[in-house]
């Protein structure tokens, strides 16, 4: 690691925030993106940190169970409708790529849930296995460990570096970044230069695989435009190299939250996860549905909604629309909150149009419906660059814990936790110029 300058923990808040701002790598970490700088990390209680540490291994079991359920559905030992949902819109050649040996049982070795901090814990809006923010969280963890050495940063100053290194069997790998993910290239270049070993960022479009393992930083829907990435996937399928996350588009669907709540699969999940883990995930995963335009029998209703067809949602009152609609995956609009509609925040016309779009796109790009849980309100300081003063912002928090699964020992390591604190009037919580981005610390 490159040593950081020592900064006194007794610096006042304005000085601390200024030191964070001034230590930002030249050129930044994201292309054309900025955020509000805070003088301190976001505090989590001992109980919350303990919950996050325990969640990592459970999410790994969930990914393994989801992969097994899909493969069993393909083979016929579980109902075929499961795979039919997950296969929609995807080329068969891609689906076949990772079904054979030696990657048949491979699962992502970087797991990052998006957790909304609510009054009684967390709710998971989605699970990302090709996440951005790795380099940013590593830099933030180091920076705040330096300016406030008395604070216990979750994961420590170097947790993101050691965690990421652990997902490879060798101390070397190529990090393939596509043009589509180009905004994240600066953070991955900064990050790779500080990893112990030989890690290089390469263009996914022109990459030629050799004997080096690969970290995939591109979406599988973009594969026709990423010929080098496709070649890496073929090399992995042949057993020549190791690629993570594996070329398994079914694992990158948000509809797994709906399949997790599916009554016909209840006992399958309980058996594969074990009862305690299953119950814990029921507390975190919001009630979800796949927006399927099929009619239900006249004597039945869609569980939890009390309707017989999703088109009836268009008539829901605003009070009934504590719901979120979003693309499930394998689509250029399925990341970055591009397809998200929050029912309670939309007009009746906007909500109706979103429901119609979801129903019309079912065959090629299914949508998922989730219960919306409003984040709890917090207050956090930030440095206003226009006044040079510390102000306090009321906001809601999205937590992004980064879990790394060791390639040698399968140990799940919590490398760090990124907190995105958004103004309280924002419903969609994600990185934005008026959000505060900080690492998390253990509350004193």
Protein backbone atom coordinates (compact mmCIF):
# COMPACT_ATOMS: atom_id res chain seq x y z
CA UNK A 1 0.00 0.00 0.00
CA UNK A 2 1.12 3.57 -0.61
CA UNK A 3 1.61 5.22 2.81
CA UNK A 4 -0.74 8.09 3.64
CA UNK A 5 0.39 11.25 5.43
CA UNK A 6 -0.36 11.38 9.13
CA UNK A 7 -3.13 13.83 10.03
CA UNK A 8 -4.01 14.82 13.56
CA UNK A 9 -7.32 13.56 14.83
CA UNK A 10 -7.66 16.87 16.70
CA UNK A 11 -8.12 18.91 13.52
CA UNK A 12 -11.43 20.76 13.59
CA UNK A 13 -14.29 19.60 11.32
CA UNK A 14 -13.59 22.21 8.62
CA UNK A 15 -9.93 21.19 8.52
CA UNK A 16 -10.80 17.48 8.43
CA UNK A 17 -13.23 17.91 5.55
CA UNK A 18 -10.67 20.03 3.72
CA UNK A 19 -8.03 17.34 4.18
CA UNK A 20 -10.38 14.74 2.70
CA UNK A 21 -11.15 16.98 -0.24
CA UNK A 22 -7.50 17.84 -0.86
CA UNK A 23 -6.38 14.21 -0.72
CA UNK A 24 -8.70 13.19 -3.55
CA UNK A 25 -6.57 11.56 -6.29
CA UNK A 26 -5.71 13.83 -9.21
CA UNK A 27 -8.34 13.40 -11.89
CA UNK A 28 -10.88 12.08 -9.36
CA UNK A 29 -12.27 8.61 -8.92
CA UNK A 30 -15.32 8.91 -11.16
CA UNK A 31 -15.55 10.52 -14.57
CA UNK A 32 -17.44 13.82 -14.24
CA UNK A 33 -18.92 12.99 -10.83
CA UNK A 34 -18.70 14.71 -7.46
CA UNK A 35 -20.28 14.47 -4.03
CA UNK A 36 -20.51 16.33 -0.74
CA UNK A 37 -17.51 15.97 1.57
CA UNK A 38 -18.02 15.27 5.27
CA UNK A 39 -15.58 15.66 8.16
CA UNK A 40 -16.55 12.28 9.62
CA UNK A 41 -17.54 8.74 8.74
CA UNK A 42 -21.11 7.55 9.19
CA UNK A 43 -21.73 5.88 12.57
CA UNK A 44 -23.25 2.42 12.90
CA UNK A 45 -24.14 0.78 16.18
CA UNK A 46 -22.31 -2.30 17.37
CA UNK A 47 -25.45 -4.32 16.68
CA UNK A 48 -25.72 -2.96 13.12
CA UNK A 49 -22.08 -3.76 12.36
CA UNK A 50 -22.50 -7.25 13.81
CA UNK A 51 -25.55 -7.75 11.59
CA UNK A 52 -23.59 -6.67 8.52
CA UNK A 53 -20.69 -9.00 9.31
CA UNK A 54 -23.08 -11.95 9.71
CA UNK A 55 -24.99 -11.09 6.55
CA UNK A 56 -22.09 -11.81 4.19
CA UNK A 57 -21.97 -15.61 4.58
CA UNK A 58 -25.78 -15.73 4.37
CA UNK A 59 -25.74 -13.88 1.06
CA UNK A 60 -23.13 -16.30 -0.27
CA UNK A 61 -25.44 -19.20 0.65
CA UNK A 62 -28.29 -17.35 -1.05
CA UNK A 63 -26.26 -16.99 -4.27
CA UNK A 64 -25.32 -20.67 -4.16
CA UNK A 65 -28.93 -21.69 -3.53
CA UNK A 66 -30.18 -19.46 -6.36
CA UNK A 67 -27.67 -20.97 -8.78
CA UNK A 68 -28.64 -24.50 -7.74
CA UNK A 69 -32.36 -23.74 -8.11
CA UNK A 70 -31.81 -22.41 -11.63
CA UNK A 71 -29.70 -25.37 -12.72
CA UNK A 72 -32.19 -27.85 -11.24
CA UNK A 73 -34.99 -26.09 -13.09
CA UNK A 74 -33.04 -26.39 -16.34
CA UNK A 75 -32.53 -30.12 -15.73
CA UNK A 76 -36.15 -30.76 -14.77
CA UNK A 77 -35.84 -31.64 -11.06
CA UNK A 78 -37.58 -28.34 -10.20
CA UNK A 79 -40.42 -26.67 -12.15
CA UNK A 80 -39.39 -25.34 -15.55
CA UNK A 81 -41.10 -21.97 -15.04
CA UNK A 82 -38.23 -20.86 -12.80
CA UNK A 83 -35.64 -21.05 -15.58
CA UNK A 84 -38.18 -19.73 -18.09
CA UNK A 85 -38.49 -16.51 -16.08
CA UNK A 86 -34.72 -16.14 -15.70
CA UNK A 87 -33.95 -16.95 -19.35
CA UNK A 88 -36.19 -14.26 -20.84
CA UNK A 89 -34.40 -11.94 -23.22
CA UNK A 90 -31.08 -13.79 -23.06
CA UNK A 91 -29.29 -15.58 -25.92
CA UNK A 92 -29.04 -19.35 -25.45
CA UNK A 93 -25.32 -19.26 -26.26
CA UNK A 94 -24.69 -17.11 -23.19
CA UNK A 95 -26.84 -19.34 -20.99
CA UNK A 96 -24.95 -22.43 -22.10
CA UNK A 97 -21.52 -20.85 -21.58
CA UNK A 98 -21.44 -21.37 -17.80
CA UNK A 99 -23.64 -24.44 -17.41
CA UNK A 100 -20.87 -26.95 -18.08
CA UNK A 101 -17.69 -27.88 -16.24
CA UNK A 102 -15.52 -26.38 -14.74
CA UNK A 103 -17.60 -23.31 -13.84
CA UNK A 104 -20.96 -25.00 -13.31
CA UNK A 105 -21.03 -24.25 -9.57
CA UNK A 106 -19.19 -20.91 -9.69
CA UNK A 107 -20.85 -17.93 -8.01
CA UNK A 108 -19.80 -14.27 -7.77
CA UNK A 109 -16.92 -13.63 -5.39
CA UNK A 110 -17.82 -9.99 -4.89
CA UNK A 111 -21.25 -9.47 -3.33
CA UNK A 112 -22.68 -6.03 -2.64
CA UNK A 113 -26.25 -5.55 -1.45
CA UNK A 114 -27.88 -2.13 -1.53
CA UNK A 115 -29.29 -1.77 1.98
CA UNK A 116 -31.66 1.02 2.98
CA UNK A 117 -31.29 1.99 6.63
CA UNK A 118 -34.82 1.84 8.11
CA UNK A 119 -36.18 2.29 11.62
CA UNK A 120 -35.72 -1.32 12.69
CA UNK A 121 -32.71 -2.41 10.66
CA UNK A 122 -32.11 -2.77 6.92
CA UNK A 123 -34.06 -3.60 3.78
CA UNK A 124 -32.25 -4.81 0.66
CA UNK A 125 -33.35 -3.09 -2.53
CA UNK A 126 -31.09 -5.32 -4.66
CA UNK A 127 -27.99 -7.52 -4.78
CA UNK A 128 -25.13 -6.54 -7.10
CA UNK A 129 -22.34 -8.91 -8.15
CA UNK A 130 -20.62 -6.47 -10.56
CA UNK A 131 -20.64 -3.37 -8.35
CA UNK A 132 -19.07 0.01 -8.82
CA UNK A 133 -17.59 1.90 -5.90
CA UNK A 134 -14.84 -0.57 -4.98
CA UNK A 135 -12.03 1.92 -5.51
CA UNK A 136 -14.03 4.77 -4.01
CA UNK A 137 -14.80 2.83 -0.84
CA UNK A 138 -11.13 1.79 -0.55
CA UNK A 139 -10.00 5.40 -0.84
CA UNK A 140 -12.62 6.69 1.60
CA UNK A 141 -11.73 3.99 4.15
CA UNK A 142 -8.05 4.97 3.97
CA UNK A 143 -8.74 8.70 4.03
CA UNK A 144 -11.03 8.65 7.06
CA UNK A 145 -8.81 6.17 8.91
CA UNK A 146 -6.06 8.77 8.47
CA UNK A 147 -7.90 11.95 9.42
CA UNK A 148 -9.69 10.33 12.38
CA UNK A 149 -7.39 7.50 13.54
CA UNK A 150 -9.42 7.11 16.73
CA UNK A 151 -12.47 6.08 14.67
CA UNK A 152 -12.96 2.38 13.97
CA UNK A 153 -13.69 2.28 10.23
CA UNK A 154 -15.67 -0.84 9.33
CA UNK A 155 -13.31 -3.10 7.41
CA UNK A 156 -10.29 -1.03 8.39
CA UNK A 157 -8.08 1.15 6.23
CA UNK A 158 -7.00 -1.73 3.97
CA UNK A 159 -9.99 -4.08 4.12
CA UNK A 160 -11.08 -3.39 0.54
CA UNK A 161 -7.58 -4.12 -0.78
CA UNK A 162 -7.04 -7.37 1.12
CA UNK A 163 -10.62 -8.47 0.44
CA UNK A 164 -10.39 -7.93 -3.30
CA UNK A 165 -7.00 -9.67 -3.50
CA UNK A 166 -8.46 -12.71 -1.74
CA UNK A 167 -10.94 -13.46 -4.54
CA UNK A 168 -8.08 -14.69 -6.77
CA UNK A 169 -5.92 -17.76 -6.30
CA UNK A 170 -2.93 -15.86 -7.68
CA UNK A 171 -1.61 -12.40 -6.81
CA UNK A 172 -2.29 -11.24 -10.35
CA UNK A 173 -5.32 -10.59 -12.55
CA UNK A 174 -6.65 -8.38 -15.31
CA UNK A 175 -9.59 -6.09 -14.54
CA UNK A 176 -11.69 -5.78 -17.69
CA UNK A 177 -13.61 -2.49 -17.89
CA UNK A 178 -15.99 -1.79 -20.77
CA UNK A 179 -16.81 1.54 -22.38
CA UNK A 180 -20.33 1.19 -20.92
CA UNK A 181 -18.76 1.17 -17.43
CA UNK A 182 -16.19 3.81 -18.36
CA UNK A 183 -17.20 6.21 -15.58
CA UNK A 184 -15.80 3.71 -13.09
CA UNK A 185 -12.48 3.24 -14.84
CA UNK A 186 -10.61 5.96 -12.86
CA UNK A 187 -11.45 4.34 -9.51
CA UNK A 188 -10.42 0.88 -10.73
CA UNK A 189 -7.13 2.21 -12.11
CA UNK A 190 -6.36 3.97 -8.82
CA UNK A 191 -7.35 0.83 -6.92
CA UNK A 192 -5.38 -1.64 -9.05
CA UNK A 193 -2.17 0.41 -8.71
CA UNK A 194 -2.33 -0.02 -4.93
CA UNK A 195 -3.07 -3.73 -4.77
CA UNK A 196 -0.26 -6.03 -3.70
CA UNK A 197 0.67 -8.11 -6.73
CA UNK A 198 0.25 -7.61 -10.45
CA UNK A 199 -3.20 -6.23 -11.22
CA UNK A 200 -3.88 -4.37 -14.47
CA UNK A 201 -6.92 -2.58 -15.90
CA UNK A 202 -7.61 -3.56 -19.51
CA UNK A 203 -10.17 -2.69 -22.19
CA UNK A 204 -12.93 -5.29 -22.32
CA UNK A 205 -13.55 -4.54 -26.00
CA UNK A 206 -10.05 -5.48 -27.27
CA UNK A 207 -8.84 -7.91 -24.59
CA UNK A 208 -7.07 -11.10 -25.63
CA UNK A 209 -7.08 -13.71 -22.83
CA UNK A 210 -3.88 -15.50 -21.94
CA UNK A 211 -3.15 -17.31 -18.69
CA UNK A 212 -4.10 -14.49 -16.30
CA UNK A 213 -7.35 -14.60 -14.33
CA UNK A 214 -9.94 -11.92 -14.95
CA UNK A 215 -12.19 -9.66 -12.92
CA UNK A 216 -15.25 -8.77 -15.00
CA UNK A 217 -16.33 -5.15 -14.80
CA UNK A 218 -18.91 -5.10 -17.58
CA UNK A 219 -22.54 -6.11 -17.88
CA UNK A 220 -23.45 -9.27 -19.77
CA UNK A 221 -26.18 -7.56 -21.82
CA UNK A 222 -23.32 -5.58 -23.42
CA UNK A 223 -21.45 -8.72 -24.51
CA UNK A 224 -21.99 -8.23 -28.30
CA UNK A 225 -20.04 -4.96 -27.96
CA UNK A 226 -17.37 -6.45 -25.69
CA UNK A 227 -15.59 -9.00 -27.86
CA UNK A 228 -12.57 -9.27 -25.56
CA UNK A 229 -14.83 -9.92 -22.62
CA UNK A 230 -16.67 -12.61 -24.55
CA UNK A 231 -13.33 -14.25 -25.35
CA UNK A 232 -12.50 -14.25 -21.63
CA UNK A 233 -15.81 -15.97 -20.90
CA UNK A 234 -15.10 -18.66 -23.48
CA UNK A 235 -11.63 -19.21 -22.00
CA UNK A 236 -13.18 -19.61 -18.56
CA UNK A 237 -15.76 -22.08 -19.88
CA UNK A 238 -12.87 -24.10 -21.34
CA UNK A 239 -11.07 -24.11 -17.98
CA UNK A 240 -8.12 -22.04 -19.21
CA UNK A 241 -8.63 -19.10 -16.81
CA UNK A 242 -10.84 -18.07 -13.92
CA UNK A 243 -13.33 -15.21 -14.38
CA UNK A 244 -15.34 -13.59 -11.62
CA UNK A 245 -18.15 -12.75 -11.65
CA UNK A 246 -18.93 -15.83 -13.73
CA UNK A 247 -20.88 -15.56 -16.98
CA UNK A 248 -24.18 -16.44 -15.32
CA UNK A 249 -26.77 -13.84 -16.31
CA UNK A 250 -29.47 -15.61 -14.31
CA UNK A 251 -27.65 -14.72 -11.07
CA UNK A 252 -27.76 -11.01 -11.92
CA UNK A 253 -31.55 -10.74 -12.03
CA UNK A 254 -33.40 -8.71 -9.42
CA UNK A 255 -36.30 -11.15 -9.74
CA UNK A 256 -34.55 -13.46 -7.27
CA UNK A 257 -36.15 -11.41 -4.50
CA UNK A 258 -39.55 -12.39 -5.95
CA UNK A 259 -38.54 -16.04 -6.40
CA UNK A 260 -37.37 -16.01 -2.79
CA UNK A 261 -40.90 -15.00 -1.74
CA UNK A 262 -42.57 -17.50 -4.11
CA UNK A 263 -44.76 -19.86 -2.10
CA UNK A 264 -44.07 -22.96 -4.28
CA UNK A 265 -40.33 -22.53 -3.60
CA UNK A 266 -40.62 -21.86 0.14
CA UNK A 267 -39.47 -25.28 1.31
CA UNK A 268 -36.69 -25.42 -1.29
CA UNK A 269 -35.24 -22.18 0.04
CA UNK A 270 -35.59 -23.28 3.67
CA UNK A 271 -33.81 -26.53 2.95
CA UNK A 272 -30.94 -24.96 0.99
CA UNK A 273 -30.43 -21.96 3.28
CA UNK A 274 -31.32 -23.57 6.60
CA UNK A 275 -34.16 -22.15 8.61
CA UNK A 276 -32.30 -19.44 10.54
CA UNK A 277 -30.73 -17.95 7.40
CA UNK A 278 -34.04 -18.14 5.55
CA UNK A 279 -35.78 -16.22 8.32
CA UNK A 280 -33.05 -13.59 8.42
CA UNK A 281 -33.37 -12.97 4.69
CA UNK A 282 -37.16 -12.71 5.02
CA UNK A 283 -36.50 -9.76 7.34
CA UNK A 284 -34.20 -8.07 4.82
CA UNK A 285 -35.61 -8.86 1.36
CA UNK A 286 -38.79 -6.83 0.75
CA UNK A 287 -41.90 -8.60 -0.52
CA UNK A 288 -41.49 -8.79 -4.30
CA UNK A 289 -43.32 -9.98 -7.40
CA UNK A 290 -42.40 -10.68 -11.03
CA UNK A 291 -44.73 -8.55 -13.17
CA UNK A 292 -46.22 -11.37 -15.22
CA UNK A 293 -49.23 -10.43 -17.40
CA UNK A 294 -50.75 -13.92 -17.09
CA UNK A 295 -54.23 -14.13 -15.58
CA UNK A 296 -54.70 -15.94 -12.27
CA UNK A 297 -57.72 -18.25 -11.72
CA UNK A 298 -61.01 -16.51 -10.94
CA UNK A 299 -60.95 -17.80 -7.36
CA UNK A 300 -57.42 -16.54 -6.61
CA UNK A 301 -55.55 -13.25 -6.20
CA UNK A 302 -51.89 -12.23 -6.44
CA UNK A 303 -50.51 -12.74 -2.90
CA UNK A 304 -50.00 -9.55 -0.94
CA UNK A 305 -51.71 -7.35 -3.55
CA UNK A 306 -55.30 -8.63 -3.59
CA UNK A 307 -55.67 -8.27 -7.38
CA UNK A 308 -56.06 -10.77 -10.22
CA UNK A 309 -53.96 -8.94 -12.81
CA UNK A 310 -51.06 -6.50 -12.45
CA UNK A 311 -52.87 -4.00 -14.69
CA UNK A 312 -55.22 -3.39 -11.76
CA UNK A 313 -52.33 -1.66 -9.99
CA UNK A 314 -52.93 1.35 -12.22
CA UNK A 315 -56.01 2.13 -10.15
CA UNK A 316 -54.18 2.03 -6.81
CA UNK A 317 -54.46 5.22 -4.79
CA UNK A 318 -51.26 7.00 -3.78
CA UNK A 319 -51.57 5.49 -0.30
CA UNK A 320 -51.66 2.02 -1.87
CA UNK A 321 -48.62 2.70 -4.06
CA UNK A 322 -45.83 2.12 -1.56
CA UNK A 323 -44.32 0.06 -4.35
CA UNK A 324 -41.28 0.17 -6.64
CA UNK A 325 -41.20 -0.94 -10.27
CA UNK A 326 -37.85 -1.66 -11.95
CA UNK A 327 -36.29 -3.80 -14.64
CA UNK A 328 -35.08 -7.14 -13.38
CA UNK A 329 -31.80 -7.22 -15.33
CA UNK A 330 -30.00 -7.90 -18.63
CA UNK A 331 -30.82 -4.49 -19.98
CA UNK A 332 -28.93 -1.23 -20.30
CA UNK A 333 -31.58 0.49 -18.16
CA UNK A 334 -31.47 -2.10 -15.38
CA UNK A 335 -28.64 -0.42 -13.44
CA UNK A 336 -28.11 3.05 -12.01
CA UNK A 337 -31.81 3.47 -11.09
CA UNK A 338 -32.62 4.24 -14.74
CA UNK A 339 -35.81 2.17 -14.84
CA UNK A 340 -37.03 2.78 -11.29
CA UNK A 341 -40.51 4.17 -10.64
CA UNK A 342 -41.62 4.71 -7.04
CA UNK A 343 -45.41 4.51 -6.96
CA UNK A 344 -46.01 6.92 -4.09
CA UNK A 345 -43.77 9.51 -5.76
CA UNK A 346 -45.40 9.28 -9.20
CA UNK A 347 -48.63 10.78 -10.48
CA UNK A 348 -51.50 8.46 -11.38
CA UNK A 349 -50.67 8.90 -15.07
CA UNK A 350 -46.93 8.24 -14.56
CA UNK A 351 -47.65 5.17 -12.47
CA UNK A 352 -50.08 3.84 -15.08
CA UNK A 353 -47.50 4.32 -17.84
CA UNK A 354 -44.87 2.49 -15.77
CA UNK A 355 -47.24 -0.45 -15.17
CA UNK A 356 -48.09 -0.63 -18.89
CA UNK A 357 -44.38 -0.63 -19.79
CA UNK A 358 -43.67 -3.43 -17.32
CA UNK A 359 -46.47 -5.59 -18.72
CA UNK A 360 -45.51 -4.91 -22.35
CA UNK A 361 -41.85 -5.81 -21.77
CA UNK A 362 -42.42 -9.11 -19.97
CA UNK A 363 -41.23 -11.37 -22.78
CA UNK A 364 -37.93 -9.59 -23.46
CA UNK A 365 -37.17 -7.67 -20.25
CA UNK A 366 -39.27 -8.57 -17.18
CA UNK A 367 -39.91 -6.04 -14.44
CA UNK A 368 -39.94 -6.62 -10.69
CA UNK A 369 -42.34 -5.04 -8.21
CA UNK A 370 -41.17 -4.52 -4.61
CA UNK A 371 -42.61 -3.11 -1.43
CA UNK A 372 -41.12 0.33 -0.82
CA UNK A 373 -39.65 1.02 2.62
CA UNK A 374 -38.80 4.63 3.36
CA UNK A 375 -35.38 5.09 4.94
CA UNK A 376 -35.12 6.49 8.42
CA UNK A 377 -34.05 10.11 8.78
CA UNK A 378 -30.53 10.90 9.96
CA UNK A 379 -28.43 14.03 10.29
CA UNK A 380 -24.84 14.25 9.07
CA UNK A 381 -22.35 17.12 8.68
CA UNK A 382 -20.84 18.24 5.39
CA UNK A 383 -18.60 21.04 4.17
CA UNK A 384 -20.40 23.62 2.05
CA UNK A 385 -17.74 24.69 -0.46
CA UNK A 386 -19.55 27.97 -1.20
CA UNK A 387 -19.52 29.20 2.40
CA UNK A 388 -16.56 27.22 3.74
CA UNK A 389 -18.72 26.24 6.73
CA UNK A 390 -19.89 22.92 8.14
CA UNK A 391 -23.61 22.38 7.71
CA UNK A 392 -25.86 19.54 8.85
CA UNK A 393 -27.96 17.74 6.27
CA UNK A 394 -31.07 15.72 7.05
CA UNK A 395 -31.12 12.67 4.85
CA UNK A 396 -31.74 8.99 4.28
CA UNK A 397 -29.00 6.40 3.94
CA UNK A 398 -28.13 3.65 1.50
CA UNK A 399 -25.45 1.32 2.83
CA UNK A 400 -23.29 -0.70 0.44
CA UNK A 401 -21.26 -3.36 2.27
CA UNK A 402 -18.65 -5.04 0.06
CA UNK A 403 -18.21 -8.76 0.72
CA UNK A 404 -15.32 -10.68 -0.80
CA UNK A 405 -15.37 -14.48 -1.07
CA UNK A 406 -11.88 -15.98 -0.81
CA UNK A 407 -10.89 -18.15 -3.77
CA UNK A 408 -8.70 -20.36 -1.59
CA UNK A 409 -10.72 -20.70 1.62
CA UNK A 410 -14.29 -19.53 0.74
CA UNK A 411 -14.15 -17.21 3.73
CA UNK A 412 -16.43 -14.18 3.35
CA UNK A 413 -14.69 -10.91 4.27
CA UNK A 414 -16.42 -7.59 4.84
CA UNK A 415 -13.98 -5.18 3.18
CA UNK A 416 -15.79 -1.94 3.91
CA UNK A 417 -19.16 -0.19 3.91
CA UNK A 418 -20.00 2.83 1.78
CA UNK A 419 -22.74 5.14 3.10
CA UNK A 420 -24.60 7.34 0.61
CA UNK A 421 -26.57 9.94 2.54
CA UNK A 422 -29.14 11.56 0.26
CA UNK A 423 -31.25 14.65 1.01
CA UNK A 424 -34.46 13.69 2.78
CA UNK A 425 -36.67 14.82 -0.13
CA UNK A 426 -35.09 12.21 -2.44
CA UNK A 427 -36.91 8.89 -2.77
CA UNK A 428 -34.31 7.10 -4.90
CA UNK A 429 -31.12 6.74 -2.86
CA UNK A 430 -28.02 6.61 -5.03
CA UNK A 431 -24.83 8.52 -5.76
CA UNK A 432 -25.57 12.14 -6.73
CA UNK A 433 -23.81 15.49 -6.50
CA UNK A 434 -25.88 16.58 -3.50
CA UNK A 435 -25.35 13.32 -1.56
CA UNK A 436 -22.72 12.78 1.12
CA UNK A 437 -20.45 9.78 0.47
CA UNK A 438 -18.47 8.44 3.44
CA UNK A 439 -17.29 5.12 4.83
CA UNK A 440 -18.97 3.67 7.92
CA UNK A 441 -17.47 3.54 11.40
CA UNK A 442 -18.36 1.83 14.65
CA UNK A 443 -20.34 4.22 16.82
CA UNK A 444 -18.36 5.32 19.84
